[in-house]
Amino acid sequence: MPQKIVPLDDLGDLVPDGATVALGGAWFCNHPMAAVRQLIRARRRDLHLITLIGSIDADLLLAAGAVGRLTFSMVTLEAFGLAPNFRRQVESGQLPITELTGLSMEAGLEAAGRNMPFMPFPGLGNPVTSALVDQNPHIYSYVSDPFGGEDVLVVKAIRPDIAIVHALRADRHGNAQFDGTYGMDDELAKSAKVVIVTCEEIVPTDVIAENPHMTKIPAFLVDHVIEAPFGAHPTSHIPRYTIDGPVLQEYAKVVTAGGEDQAAYLEQLASESEEGYRTRVLPERRREILLELVRQGRVLAGATS
């Protein structure tokens, strides 16, 4: 098998401007934040971003001007309120969007993973969600039932150019393991043309073989592997660390204000390395606290304050 390990610094070369990029994770869990920060450092532009339940990852890329189009079912900062950059850009009309239900996005990704042009989806029966069919004829359509029944609603396959997910560990071949939530990350890996796995650590294949049931994304799906400790921070990556409430709260405060404060925040991220980010935001004591909170089961947003 080919060597797939690349440094995080090379991520910008793997994700060109204009690419359709799907990010893993959901809510405040397991987003590939080290990759997001690296895309900002690389000054990527005009990305078509796909997120099932986006969070700070999507809002941060929108703040940095990296997104030219967004396909989503939700973007939220949860307990910290609305996602300010997402809201501003949608309300102003400057951001082209495709809004889908979460289940229909899953169906579209599954269709791509199965190498099918579409997937039947008879799941938009109420007036609110049914309106999405009329708004998105490039995604939803109807096909005739070959067995003589009623026409069937279908969702077009959603095939990203690149999927980026964050795993607990991986080997040099790309076998990626998870020990907590992984959302739709496995479906993203099946659907995308290129799959990039960032992980907390790269380990020998023998370590992977000790717990084969944890390998949710096998090597044959993966193109590149990047070691990125605390790569989901400030979102959680169970069992390594919980969400970092104060950091998320500070982000919400800065981007809600916008203007010079947000510009300074972004410039700091863009001008420092990922190691510099960890040194600044995650001193050793804070890392220990985030791990201990997982051990104690205290994973609430404000638990690290």
Protein backbone atom coordinates (compact mmCIF):
# COMPACT_ATOMS: atom_id res chain seq x y z
CA MET A 1 0.00 0.00 0.00
CA PRO A 2 1.23 3.52 -0.72
CA GLN A 3 2.37 5.87 2.03
CA LYS A 4 -0.44 8.34 2.64
CA ILE A 5 0.91 10.44 5.51
CA VAL A 6 1.25 14.15 4.77
CA PRO A 7 1.89 17.13 7.08
CA LEU A 8 -0.93 19.49 7.96
CA ASP A 9 0.97 22.30 6.24
CA ASP A 10 0.34 20.54 2.90
CA LEU A 11 -3.45 20.61 3.26
CA GLY A 12 -3.80 23.81 1.26
CA ASP A 13 -2.15 22.09 -1.70
CA LEU A 14 -4.64 19.21 -1.47
CA VAL A 15 -7.71 21.47 -1.42
CA PRO A 16 -7.72 23.87 -4.38
CA ASP A 17 -9.82 27.01 -4.66
CA GLY A 18 -13.29 26.22 -5.96
CA ALA A 19 -13.36 22.63 -4.69
CA THR A 20 -16.50 21.07 -3.22
CA VAL A 21 -15.48 20.17 0.33
CA ALA A 22 -17.52 18.21 2.86
CA LEU A 23 -16.59 18.51 6.53
CA GLY A 24 -17.22 15.75 9.04
CA GLY A 25 -18.58 16.05 12.55
CA ALA A 26 -21.92 17.35 13.78
CA TRP A 27 -23.17 19.80 16.38
CA PHE A 28 -20.18 20.56 18.65
CA CYS A 29 -18.65 17.11 18.10
CA ASN A 30 -15.67 15.97 16.11
CA HIS A 31 -15.33 18.70 13.49
CA PRO A 32 -11.95 18.71 11.67
CA MET A 33 -10.98 22.08 13.11
CA ALA A 34 -7.21 21.79 12.55
CA ALA A 35 -7.99 21.34 8.86
CA VAL A 36 -10.35 24.33 8.94
CA ARG A 37 -7.64 26.49 10.49
CA GLN A 38 -5.15 25.30 7.88
CA LEU A 39 -7.53 26.19 5.04
CA ILE A 40 -7.71 29.68 6.51
CA ARG A 41 -3.90 29.86 6.67
CA ALA A 42 -3.78 28.76 3.03
CA ARG A 43 -6.23 31.58 2.13
CA ARG A 44 -8.50 29.19 0.25
CA ARG A 45 -11.37 30.82 -1.65
CA ASP A 46 -14.64 29.98 -3.41
CA LEU A 47 -15.09 26.60 -1.76
CA HIS A 48 -18.45 24.87 -2.08
CA LEU A 49 -18.83 23.78 1.52
CA ILE A 50 -21.06 20.85 2.47
CA THR A 51 -22.00 20.37 6.12
CA LEU A 52 -24.71 18.23 7.62
CA ILE A 53 -24.91 19.97 11.00
CA GLY A 54 -22.29 22.69 10.82
CA SER A 55 -20.94 24.62 13.75
CA ILE A 56 -17.92 26.83 14.36
CA ASP A 57 -16.19 25.05 11.44
CA ALA A 58 -18.58 26.43 8.83
CA ASP A 59 -19.00 29.83 10.49
CA LEU A 60 -15.23 30.30 10.75
CA LEU A 61 -14.67 29.51 7.07
CA LEU A 62 -17.47 31.92 6.17
CA ALA A 63 -15.85 34.61 8.31
CA ALA A 64 -12.56 34.07 6.49
CA GLY A 65 -14.14 34.50 3.06
CA ALA A 66 -13.28 30.94 2.05
CA VAL A 67 -16.81 29.84 1.06
CA GLY A 68 -18.43 30.61 -2.26
CA ARG A 69 -21.44 28.35 -1.80
CA LEU A 70 -22.94 26.40 1.11
CA THR A 71 -25.01 23.21 1.14
CA PHE A 72 -26.33 22.43 4.61
CA SER A 73 -29.14 21.23 6.81
CA MET A 74 -28.14 23.36 9.82
CA VAL A 75 -25.39 25.71 10.98
CA THR A 76 -25.53 26.63 14.67
CA LEU A 77 -23.47 27.59 17.69
CA GLU A 78 -26.02 25.78 19.87
CA ALA A 79 -25.91 27.07 23.45
CA PHE A 80 -23.92 30.10 22.30
CA GLY A 81 -26.60 31.28 19.89
CA LEU A 82 -26.90 31.63 16.15
CA ALA A 83 -23.85 31.33 13.89
CA PRO A 84 -23.27 35.06 13.22
CA ASN A 85 -21.34 34.91 9.94
CA PHE A 86 -23.68 32.31 8.52
CA ARG A 87 -26.67 34.45 9.44
CA ARG A 88 -25.20 37.70 8.12
CA GLN A 89 -24.21 36.24 4.77
CA VAL A 90 -27.49 34.41 4.22
CA GLU A 91 -29.64 37.39 5.21
CA SER A 92 -27.64 39.76 3.02
CA GLY A 93 -27.99 37.44 0.04
CA GLN A 94 -24.25 37.34 -0.59
CA LEU A 95 -23.99 33.59 0.09
CA PRO A 96 -25.59 31.18 -2.39
CA ILE A 97 -27.09 28.33 -0.40
CA THR A 98 -28.76 24.97 -0.87
CA GLU A 99 -30.78 24.07 2.21
CA LEU A 100 -31.74 20.41 2.58
CA THR A 101 -33.14 18.30 5.36
CA GLY A 102 -30.58 16.29 7.27
CA LEU A 103 -32.14 12.98 6.25
CA SER A 104 -32.18 13.88 2.57
CA MET A 105 -28.52 14.91 2.76
CA GLU A 106 -27.77 11.51 4.27
CA ALA A 107 -29.69 9.86 1.44
CA GLY A 108 -27.78 11.85 -1.18
CA LEU A 109 -24.43 10.92 0.36
CA GLU A 110 -25.48 7.28 0.58
CA ALA A 111 -26.44 7.32 -3.10
CA ALA A 112 -22.97 8.57 -4.03
CA GLY A 113 -21.37 5.98 -1.75
CA ARG A 114 -23.31 3.25 -3.53
CA ASN A 115 -22.36 4.73 -6.92
CA MET A 116 -25.99 5.40 -7.75
CA PRO A 117 -27.38 8.55 -9.41
CA PHE A 118 -30.09 9.05 -6.78
CA MET A 119 -31.75 7.51 -3.74
CA PRO A 120 -35.52 7.13 -3.12
CA PHE A 121 -36.60 9.38 -0.28
CA PRO A 122 -40.30 9.50 0.56
CA GLY A 123 -39.63 11.63 3.62
CA LEU A 124 -40.84 15.17 2.89
CA GLY A 125 -44.49 14.90 3.77
CA ASN A 126 -45.16 18.11 5.72
CA PRO A 127 -45.62 21.57 4.15
CA VAL A 128 -42.41 23.07 5.55
CA THR A 129 -40.02 20.40 4.34
CA SER A 130 -41.99 19.81 1.14
CA ALA A 131 -41.22 23.43 0.18
CA LEU A 132 -37.56 22.41 -0.12
CA VAL A 133 -38.47 20.20 -3.08
CA ASP A 134 -39.76 23.21 -5.02
CA GLN A 135 -36.75 25.32 -3.98
CA ASN A 136 -34.17 22.72 -5.03
CA PRO A 137 -35.16 21.02 -8.29
CA HIS A 138 -31.47 20.31 -8.92
CA ILE A 139 -31.51 18.00 -5.87
CA TYR A 140 -35.05 16.63 -5.60
CA SER A 141 -37.14 15.03 -8.32
CA TYR A 142 -39.71 12.30 -8.90
CA VAL A 143 -39.39 9.02 -10.78
CA SER A 144 -42.06 6.62 -11.93
CA ASP A 145 -42.57 3.45 -9.95
CA PRO A 146 -41.80 0.62 -12.41
CA PHE A 147 -44.22 -1.58 -10.48
CA GLY A 148 -47.17 0.68 -11.14
CA GLY A 149 -47.39 2.60 -7.90
CA GLU A 150 -47.26 6.37 -7.32
CA ASP A 151 -44.28 8.45 -8.38
CA VAL A 152 -41.41 8.30 -5.89
CA LEU A 153 -39.47 11.29 -4.55
CA VAL A 154 -35.72 10.89 -5.03
CA VAL A 155 -32.63 12.78 -3.91
CA LYS A 156 -29.73 13.28 -6.28
CA ALA A 157 -26.39 11.79 -5.28
CA ILE A 158 -24.20 14.24 -3.36
CA ARG A 159 -20.57 13.62 -4.32
CA PRO A 160 -18.02 16.03 -2.81
CA ASP A 161 -14.65 16.53 -4.45
CA ILE A 162 -13.04 16.20 -1.04
CA ALA A 163 -14.19 14.98 2.37
CA ILE A 164 -12.25 15.90 5.51
CA VAL A 165 -12.95 13.98 8.72
CA HIS A 166 -11.24 13.77 12.11
CA ALA A 167 -10.53 10.37 13.66
CA LEU A 168 -9.12 9.12 16.94
CA ARG A 169 -6.24 7.31 15.28
CA ALA A 170 -5.13 6.02 11.90
CA ASP A 171 -2.26 4.02 10.48
CA ARG A 172 -0.05 5.01 7.56
CA HIS A 173 -2.36 3.23 5.13
CA GLY A 174 -5.41 5.23 6.20
CA ASN A 175 -7.35 2.80 8.37
CA ALA A 176 -9.19 5.28 10.60
CA GLN A 177 -10.65 4.42 14.00
CA PHE A 178 -13.26 6.15 16.17
CA ASP A 179 -14.14 5.47 19.79
CA GLY A 180 -17.01 7.95 20.12
CA THR A 181 -19.42 9.70 17.81
CA TYR A 182 -18.53 9.84 14.15
CA GLY A 183 -21.80 11.17 12.76
CA MET A 184 -21.94 10.70 9.00
CA ASP A 185 -18.17 10.62 8.60
CA ASP A 186 -18.18 7.09 7.19
CA GLU A 187 -20.79 8.05 4.58
CA LEU A 188 -18.78 11.15 3.67
CA ALA A 189 -15.75 8.94 3.10
CA LYS A 190 -17.74 6.63 0.84
CA SER A 191 -19.22 9.48 -1.19
CA ALA A 192 -16.21 11.73 -1.84
CA LYS A 193 -13.69 11.51 -4.66
CA VAL A 194 -10.80 12.28 -2.29
CA VAL A 195 -10.78 11.56 1.45
CA ILE A 196 -8.49 13.32 3.92
CA VAL A 197 -8.35 11.96 7.48
CA THR A 198 -6.90 14.08 10.25
CA CYS A 199 -6.37 12.18 13.47
CA GLU A 200 -5.21 12.55 17.03
CA GLU A 201 -2.33 10.17 16.38
CA ILE A 202 -0.82 7.94 13.72
CA VAL A 203 -0.14 4.45 15.05
CA PRO A 204 1.33 1.19 13.72
CA THR A 205 -1.05 -1.08 11.84
CA ASP A 206 -0.66 -3.66 14.62
CA VAL A 207 -2.41 -1.23 16.99
CA ILE A 208 -5.30 -0.86 14.54
CA ALA A 209 -5.55 -4.66 14.24
CA GLU A 210 -5.99 -5.03 18.00
CA ASN A 211 -9.44 -3.40 17.77
CA PRO A 212 -10.71 -3.94 14.22
CA HIS A 213 -14.30 -3.11 15.20
CA MET A 214 -13.22 0.51 15.76
CA THR A 215 -12.12 0.96 12.14
CA LYS A 216 -15.07 2.85 10.69
CA ILE A 217 -13.24 4.13 7.60
CA PRO A 218 -11.00 1.51 5.93
CA ALA A 219 -7.77 2.29 4.13
CA PHE A 220 -9.10 1.76 0.61
CA LEU A 221 -11.36 4.80 1.02
CA VAL A 222 -8.61 7.13 2.28
CA ASP A 223 -6.18 9.17 0.18
CA HIS A 224 -4.30 11.21 2.79
CA VAL A 225 -3.63 10.96 6.53
CA ILE A 226 -2.61 13.91 8.70
CA GLU A 227 -1.63 13.72 12.36
CA ALA A 228 -3.28 16.62 14.20
CA PRO A 229 -3.42 16.35 18.00
CA PHE A 230 -6.42 18.21 19.42
CA GLY A 231 -7.50 18.50 15.82
CA ALA A 232 -11.19 18.86 16.69
CA HIS A 233 -10.65 21.60 19.30
CA PRO A 234 -12.63 23.58 20.41
CA THR A 235 -15.31 21.00 19.54
CA SER A 236 -15.18 17.68 21.36
CA HIS A 237 -13.42 14.49 20.40
CA ILE A 238 -14.53 11.75 22.74
CA PRO A 239 -12.77 10.02 24.48
CA ARG A 240 -9.83 12.45 24.29
CA TYR A 241 -11.44 15.77 25.25
CA THR A 242 -14.73 17.52 25.72
CA ILE A 243 -15.82 20.77 24.07
CA ASP A 244 -13.96 23.87 25.24
CA GLY A 245 -16.79 26.10 26.40
CA PRO A 246 -14.81 29.28 27.15
CA VAL A 247 -13.06 29.19 23.76
CA LEU A 248 -16.39 28.72 21.98
CA GLN A 249 -17.93 31.48 24.06
CA GLU A 250 -15.10 33.85 23.18
CA TYR A 251 -15.50 33.01 19.49
CA ALA A 252 -19.23 33.73 19.63
CA LYS A 253 -18.57 37.06 21.33
CA VAL A 254 -15.92 38.16 18.83
CA VAL A 255 -17.77 37.20 15.65
CA THR A 256 -21.08 38.59 16.87
CA ALA A 257 -19.39 41.96 17.22
CA GLY A 258 -17.72 41.52 13.82
CA GLY A 259 -15.62 44.35 12.44
CA GLU A 260 -12.06 44.86 13.65
CA ASP A 261 -12.31 42.32 16.47
CA GLN A 262 -13.24 39.55 14.07
CA ALA A 263 -10.57 40.62 11.58
CA ALA A 264 -7.91 40.49 14.31
CA TYR A 265 -9.14 37.06 15.43
CA LEU A 266 -8.87 35.70 11.90
CA GLU A 267 -5.48 37.24 11.26
CA GLN A 268 -4.10 35.64 14.40
CA LEU A 269 -5.30 32.22 13.25
CA ALA A 270 -3.92 32.77 9.77
CA SER A 271 -0.50 33.91 10.95
CA GLU A 272 0.26 31.13 13.46
CA SER A 273 1.05 27.46 12.94
CA GLU A 274 -1.17 24.74 14.36
CA GLU A 275 1.48 24.09 16.98
CA GLY A 276 1.40 27.80 17.79
CA TYR A 277 -2.38 27.59 18.15
CA ARG A 278 -2.10 24.70 20.60
CA THR A 279 0.58 26.50 22.62
CA ARG A 280 -1.52 29.66 22.83
CA VAL A 281 -4.96 28.17 23.44
CA LEU A 282 -4.18 24.78 24.96
CA PRO A 283 -1.51 24.90 27.65
CA GLU A 284 -0.84 21.55 29.31
CA ARG A 285 -3.09 22.18 32.29
CA ARG A 286 -6.05 23.00 30.04
CA ARG A 287 -5.52 19.81 28.05
CA GLU A 288 -5.60 17.81 31.27
CA ILE A 289 -8.84 19.50 32.34
CA LEU A 290 -10.57 18.73 29.03
CA LEU A 291 -9.57 15.08 29.34
CA GLU A 292 -10.58 14.86 32.99
CA LEU A 293 -14.02 16.28 32.20
CA VAL A 294 -14.56 13.44 29.76
CA ARG A 295 -13.56 10.92 32.41
CA GLN A 296 -16.03 12.47 34.83
CA GLY A 297 -18.77 12.62 32.23
CA ARG A 298 -19.00 16.41 32.51
CA VAL A 299 -19.30 17.44 28.89
CA LEU A 300 -21.54 20.48 29.20
CA ALA A 301 -20.56 23.64 27.34
CA GLY A 302 -19.66 25.59 30.45
CA ALA A 303 -17.89 22.77 32.25
CA THR A 304 -14.39 24.03 31.42
CA SER A 305 -14.93 27.53 32.75
